[in-house]
């Protein structure tokens, strides 16, 4: 996965395709919500929240690539989500 992400980050056409895929994913998630996003205001909130989640994931993956995979990816994702939505939005994991 790291090699694929390196290629995507370093290739403008692949970055553009990735952005297009993220938009399609956002639309699929909002569509899957169905009646929960039926009103224009609810649909807008769902689109905004979905976009923020996807952007947080993208940011975490990009940092992971920049760190050459040395940083713990789940921790990066949690940090990105916390930065976007606050610390309470991210469930903490128990370390056994």
C-alpha atoms as a PDB file:
ATOM      1  CA  UNK A   1       0.000   0.000   0.000  1.00  0.00           C
ATOM      2  CA  UNK A   2       2.851   2.364   0.827  1.00  0.00           C
ATOM      3  CA  UNK A   3       4.339   1.997  -2.665  1.00  0.00           C
ATOM      4  CA  UNK A   4       0.970   2.664  -4.307  1.00  0.00           C
ATOM      5  CA  UNK A   5       0.453   5.771  -2.195  1.00  0.00           C
ATOM      6  CA  UNK A   6       3.977   7.019  -2.969  1.00  0.00           C
ATOM      7  CA  UNK A   7       3.184   6.745  -6.670  1.00  0.00           C
ATOM      8  CA  UNK A   8      -0.144   8.526  -6.252  1.00  0.00           C
ATOM      9  CA  UNK A   9       1.388  11.379  -4.242  1.00  0.00           C
ATOM     10  CA  UNK A  10       4.211  11.888  -6.740  1.00  0.00           C
ATOM     11  CA  UNK A  11       2.118  11.715  -9.942  1.00  0.00           C
ATOM     12  CA  UNK A  12      -0.176  14.693 -10.709  1.00  0.00           C
ATOM     13  CA  UNK A  13      -2.551  12.671 -12.920  1.00  0.00           C
ATOM     14  CA  UNK A  14      -2.955  10.018 -10.232  1.00  0.00           C
ATOM     15  CA  UNK A  15      -3.567  12.681  -7.577  1.00  0.00           C
ATOM     16  CA  UNK A  16      -6.307  14.126  -9.780  1.00  0.00           C
ATOM     17  CA  UNK A  17      -7.852  10.685 -10.260  1.00  0.00           C
ATOM     18  CA  UNK A  18      -7.684  10.129  -6.515  1.00  0.00           C
ATOM     19  CA  UNK A  19      -9.569  13.391  -5.922  1.00  0.00           C
ATOM     20  CA  UNK A  20     -12.215  12.263  -8.408  1.00  0.00           C
ATOM     21  CA  UNK A  21     -12.508   8.941  -6.562  1.00  0.00           C
ATOM     22  CA  UNK A  22     -12.903  10.767  -3.264  1.00  0.00           C
ATOM     23  CA  UNK A  23     -15.777  12.807  -4.711  1.00  0.00           C
ATOM     24  CA  UNK A  24     -17.472   9.627  -5.960  1.00  0.00           C
ATOM     25  CA  UNK A  25     -16.998   8.027  -2.536  1.00  0.00           C
ATOM     26  CA  UNK A  26     -18.536  11.059  -0.842  1.00  0.00           C
ATOM     27  CA  UNK A  27     -21.562  10.872  -3.130  1.00  0.00           C
ATOM     28  CA  UNK A  28     -21.946   7.121  -2.538  1.00  0.00           C
ATOM     29  CA  UNK A  29     -21.891   7.599   1.241  1.00  0.00           C
ATOM     30  CA  UNK A  30     -24.433  10.427   1.134  1.00  0.00           C
ATOM     31  CA  UNK A  31     -26.651   8.402  -1.212  1.00  0.00           C
ATOM     32  CA  UNK A  32     -26.413   5.401   1.124  1.00  0.00           C
ATOM     33  CA  UNK A  33     -27.738   7.546   3.966  1.00  0.00           C
ATOM     34  CA  UNK A  34     -30.998   7.698   2.019  1.00  0.00           C
ATOM     35  CA  UNK A  35     -33.798   9.302   3.997  1.00  0.00           C
ATOM     36  CA  UNK A  36     -31.365  10.491   6.674  1.00  0.00           C
ATOM     37  CA  UNK A  37     -30.110  13.100   4.176  1.00  0.00           C
ATOM     38  CA  UNK A  38     -33.410  13.776   2.386  1.00  0.00           C
ATOM     39  CA  UNK A  39     -33.686  17.502   3.070  1.00  0.00           C
ATOM     40  CA  UNK A  40     -31.248  19.876   1.350  1.00  0.00           C
ATOM     41  CA  UNK A  41     -29.849  20.977   4.725  1.00  0.00           C
ATOM     42  CA  UNK A  42     -29.359  17.394   5.925  1.00  0.00           C
ATOM     43  CA  UNK A  43     -27.738  16.467   2.610  1.00  0.00           C
ATOM     44  CA  UNK A  44     -25.367  19.423   2.917  1.00  0.00           C
ATOM     45  CA  UNK A  45     -24.391  18.428   6.466  1.00  0.00           C
ATOM     46  CA  UNK A  46     -23.844  14.838   5.349  1.00  0.00           C
ATOM     47  CA  UNK A  47     -21.700  15.990   2.421  1.00  0.00           C
ATOM     48  CA  UNK A  48     -19.642  18.293   4.661  1.00  0.00           C
ATOM     49  CA  UNK A  49     -19.078  15.634   7.330  1.00  0.00           C
ATOM     50  CA  UNK A  50     -18.232  12.993   4.742  1.00  0.00           C
ATOM     51  CA  UNK A  51     -15.800  15.315   2.987  1.00  0.00           C
ATOM     52  CA  UNK A  52     -14.121  16.155   6.289  1.00  0.00           C
ATOM     53  CA  UNK A  53     -13.685  12.460   7.114  1.00  0.00           C
ATOM     54  CA  UNK A  54     -12.279  11.689   3.683  1.00  0.00           C
ATOM     55  CA  UNK A  55      -9.927  14.677   3.880  1.00  0.00           C
ATOM     56  CA  UNK A  56      -8.717  13.599   7.325  1.00  0.00           C
ATOM     57  CA  UNK A  57      -8.010  10.123   5.986  1.00  0.00           C
ATOM     58  CA  UNK A  58      -6.179  11.551   2.976  1.00  0.00           C
ATOM     59  CA  UNK A  59      -4.091  13.795   5.226  1.00  0.00           C
ATOM     60  CA  UNK A  60      -3.153  10.863   7.462  1.00  0.00           C
ATOM     61  CA  UNK A  61      -2.216   8.690   4.480  1.00  0.00           C
ATOM     62  CA  UNK A  62      -0.141  11.482   2.959  1.00  0.00           C
ATOM     63  CA  UNK A  63       1.751  11.985   6.217  1.00  0.00           C
ATOM     64  CA  UNK A  64       2.288   8.228   6.446  1.00  0.00           C
ATOM     65  CA  UNK A  65       3.854   8.278   2.974  1.00  0.00           C
ATOM     66  CA  UNK A  66       6.012  11.282   3.898  1.00  0.00           C
ATOM     67  CA  UNK A  67       7.189   9.391   6.994  1.00  0.00           C
ATOM     68  CA  UNK A  68       7.991   6.396   4.761  1.00  0.00           C
ATOM     69  CA  UNK A  69       5.509   4.238   6.683  1.00  0.00           C
ATOM     70  CA  UNK A  70       7.359   4.594   9.991  1.00  0.00           C
ATOM     71  CA  UNK A  71       4.499   6.333  11.811  1.00  0.00           C
ATOM     72  CA  UNK A  72       1.632   4.201  13.110  1.00  0.00           C
ATOM     73  CA  UNK A  73      -1.134   4.707  10.525  1.00  0.00           C
ATOM     74  CA  UNK A  74      -4.112   4.170  12.884  1.00  0.00           C
ATOM     75  CA  UNK A  75      -2.632   6.803  15.208  1.00  0.00           C
ATOM     76  CA  UNK A  76      -2.239   9.240  12.316  1.00  0.00           C
ATOM     77  CA  UNK A  77      -5.852   8.650  11.311  1.00  0.00           C
ATOM     78  CA  UNK A  78      -7.040   9.233  14.882  1.00  0.00           C
ATOM     79  CA  UNK A  79      -4.980  12.427  15.108  1.00  0.00           C
ATOM     80  CA  UNK A  80      -6.387  13.695  11.801  1.00  0.00           C
ATOM     81  CA  UNK A  81      -9.967  12.961  12.869  1.00  0.00           C
ATOM     82  CA  UNK A  82      -9.368  14.614  16.261  1.00  0.00           C
ATOM     83  CA  UNK A  83      -7.971  17.694  14.514  1.00  0.00           C
ATOM     84  CA  UNK A  84     -11.093  17.838  12.348  1.00  0.00           C
ATOM     85  CA  UNK A  85     -13.790  16.978  14.874  1.00  0.00           C
ATOM     86  CA  UNK A  86     -12.213  17.300  18.320  1.00  0.00           C
ATOM     87  CA  UNK A  87     -10.747  14.763  20.685  1.00  0.00           C
ATOM     88  CA  UNK A  88     -14.166  13.471  21.749  1.00  0.00           C
ATOM     89  CA  UNK A  89     -14.896  12.354  18.172  1.00  0.00           C
ATOM     90  CA  UNK A  90     -12.203   9.683  18.270  1.00  0.00           C
ATOM     91  CA  UNK A  91     -12.667   6.595  20.394  1.00  0.00           C
ATOM     92  CA  UNK A  92      -9.572   5.803  22.359  1.00  0.00           C
ATOM     93  CA  UNK A  93      -8.182   2.306  22.125  1.00  0.00           C
ATOM     94  CA  UNK A  94      -7.037   0.402  25.172  1.00  0.00           C
ATOM     95  CA  UNK A  95      -3.484  -0.779  25.045  1.00  0.00           C
ATOM     96  CA  UNK A  96      -3.298  -4.331  26.371  1.00  0.00           C
END
